[in-house]
Amino acid sequence: MANHKSALKRIRSNEAKRLRNRYQHRTTRNAIKKLRDMTSKSDAEKLFPSVVSMVDKLAKNNIIHANKAANLKSSLAKHVASL
């Protein structure tokens, strides 16, 4: 157990950040799955910018690696273009 006030605060803040990161990551993964399952090109093109924005925010906050974000965006763009 932590012995200092600052260590206790760090534990609390780490847990809050972990939960926020999990929520954002899970929401983005669900949006990606939804985009990949779409068969209508017009619907996919409407959803694509918001999904890319979500992926960029995850990369900016180091929840996912920048290269992974680039790979995701590229594969999603190819998918939308192929519809």
Protein backbone atom coordinates (compact mmCIF):
# COMPACT_ATOMS: atom_id res chain seq x y z
CA MET A 1 0.00 0.00 0.00
CA ALA A 2 1.12 3.55 -0.69
CA ASN A 3 2.83 5.46 2.10
CA HIS A 4 2.56 9.02 0.77
CA LYS A 5 -0.36 11.29 -0.03
CA SER A 6 1.02 11.88 -3.51
CA ALA A 7 1.22 8.13 -4.15
CA LEU A 8 -2.42 7.72 -3.11
CA LYS A 9 -3.41 10.53 -5.47
CA ARG A 10 -1.37 8.92 -8.26
CA ILE A 11 -3.24 5.64 -7.73
CA ARG A 12 -6.59 7.43 -7.95
CA SER A 13 -5.65 9.42 -11.04
CA ASN A 14 -4.15 6.37 -12.78
CA GLU A 15 -7.37 4.44 -12.28
CA ALA A 16 -9.46 7.32 -13.65
CA LYS A 17 -7.20 7.60 -16.71
CA ARG A 18 -7.25 3.82 -17.24
CA LEU A 19 -11.05 3.76 -17.25
CA ARG A 20 -11.25 6.75 -19.60
CA ASN A 21 -8.72 5.15 -21.98
CA ARG A 22 -10.61 1.84 -21.94
CA TYR A 23 -13.89 3.60 -22.72
CA GLN A 24 -12.41 5.60 -25.61
CA HIS A 25 -10.57 2.59 -27.03
CA ARG A 26 -13.63 0.32 -26.83
CA THR A 27 -15.88 2.98 -28.42
CA THR A 28 -13.43 3.43 -31.28
CA ARG A 29 -13.12 -0.32 -31.85
CA ASN A 30 -16.91 -0.63 -32.00
CA ALA A 31 -17.09 2.23 -34.53
CA ILE A 32 -14.41 0.55 -36.67
CA LYS A 33 -16.34 -2.75 -36.62
CA LYS A 34 -19.52 -0.91 -37.56
CA LEU A 35 -17.74 0.77 -40.49
CA ARG A 36 -16.24 -2.52 -41.70
CA ASP A 37 -19.66 -4.22 -41.61
CA MET A 38 -21.32 -1.53 -43.73
CA THR A 39 -22.30 -2.37 -47.28
CA SER A 40 -23.66 1.02 -48.33
CA LYS A 41 -20.95 3.30 -49.70
CA SER A 42 -22.81 6.52 -48.89
CA ASP A 43 -23.33 5.53 -45.24
CA ALA A 44 -19.70 4.44 -44.92
CA GLU A 45 -18.48 7.74 -46.37
CA LYS A 46 -20.56 9.64 -43.79
CA LEU A 47 -19.19 7.59 -40.88
CA PHE A 48 -15.57 7.48 -42.07
CA PRO A 49 -14.49 11.02 -40.98
CA SER A 50 -15.75 10.53 -37.44
CA VAL A 51 -13.98 7.17 -37.12
CA VAL A 52 -10.73 8.68 -38.42
CA SER A 53 -11.10 11.49 -35.89
CA MET A 54 -11.54 8.98 -33.07
CA VAL A 55 -8.45 7.04 -34.18
CA ASP A 56 -6.42 10.25 -34.39
CA LYS A 57 -7.43 11.23 -30.86
CA LEU A 58 -6.35 7.82 -29.53
CA ALA A 59 -2.98 8.20 -31.21
CA LYS A 60 -2.56 11.76 -29.95
CA ASN A 61 -3.15 10.63 -26.36
CA ASN A 62 -0.82 7.60 -26.75
CA ILE A 63 -3.64 5.13 -26.21
CA ILE A 64 -2.60 3.48 -29.48
CA HIS A 65 0.66 3.86 -31.39
CA ALA A 66 0.80 6.42 -34.20
CA ASN A 67 1.76 3.76 -36.76
CA LYS A 68 -1.21 1.60 -35.75
CA ALA A 69 -3.47 4.61 -36.22
CA ALA A 70 -2.04 5.19 -39.69
CA ASN A 71 -2.50 1.53 -40.61
CA LEU A 72 -6.10 1.55 -39.37
CA LYS A 73 -6.96 4.72 -41.28
CA SER A 74 -5.37 3.35 -44.44
CA SER A 75 -7.18 0.02 -44.30
CA LEU A 76 -10.50 1.73 -43.54
CA ALA A 77 -10.02 4.14 -46.44
CA LYS A 78 -9.34 1.20 -48.76
CA HIS A 79 -12.46 -0.54 -47.48
CA VAL A 80 -14.67 2.51 -48.02
CA ALA A 81 -13.21 3.04 -51.51
CA SER A 82 -13.87 -0.58 -52.47
CA LEU A 83 -17.59 -0.46 -51.60
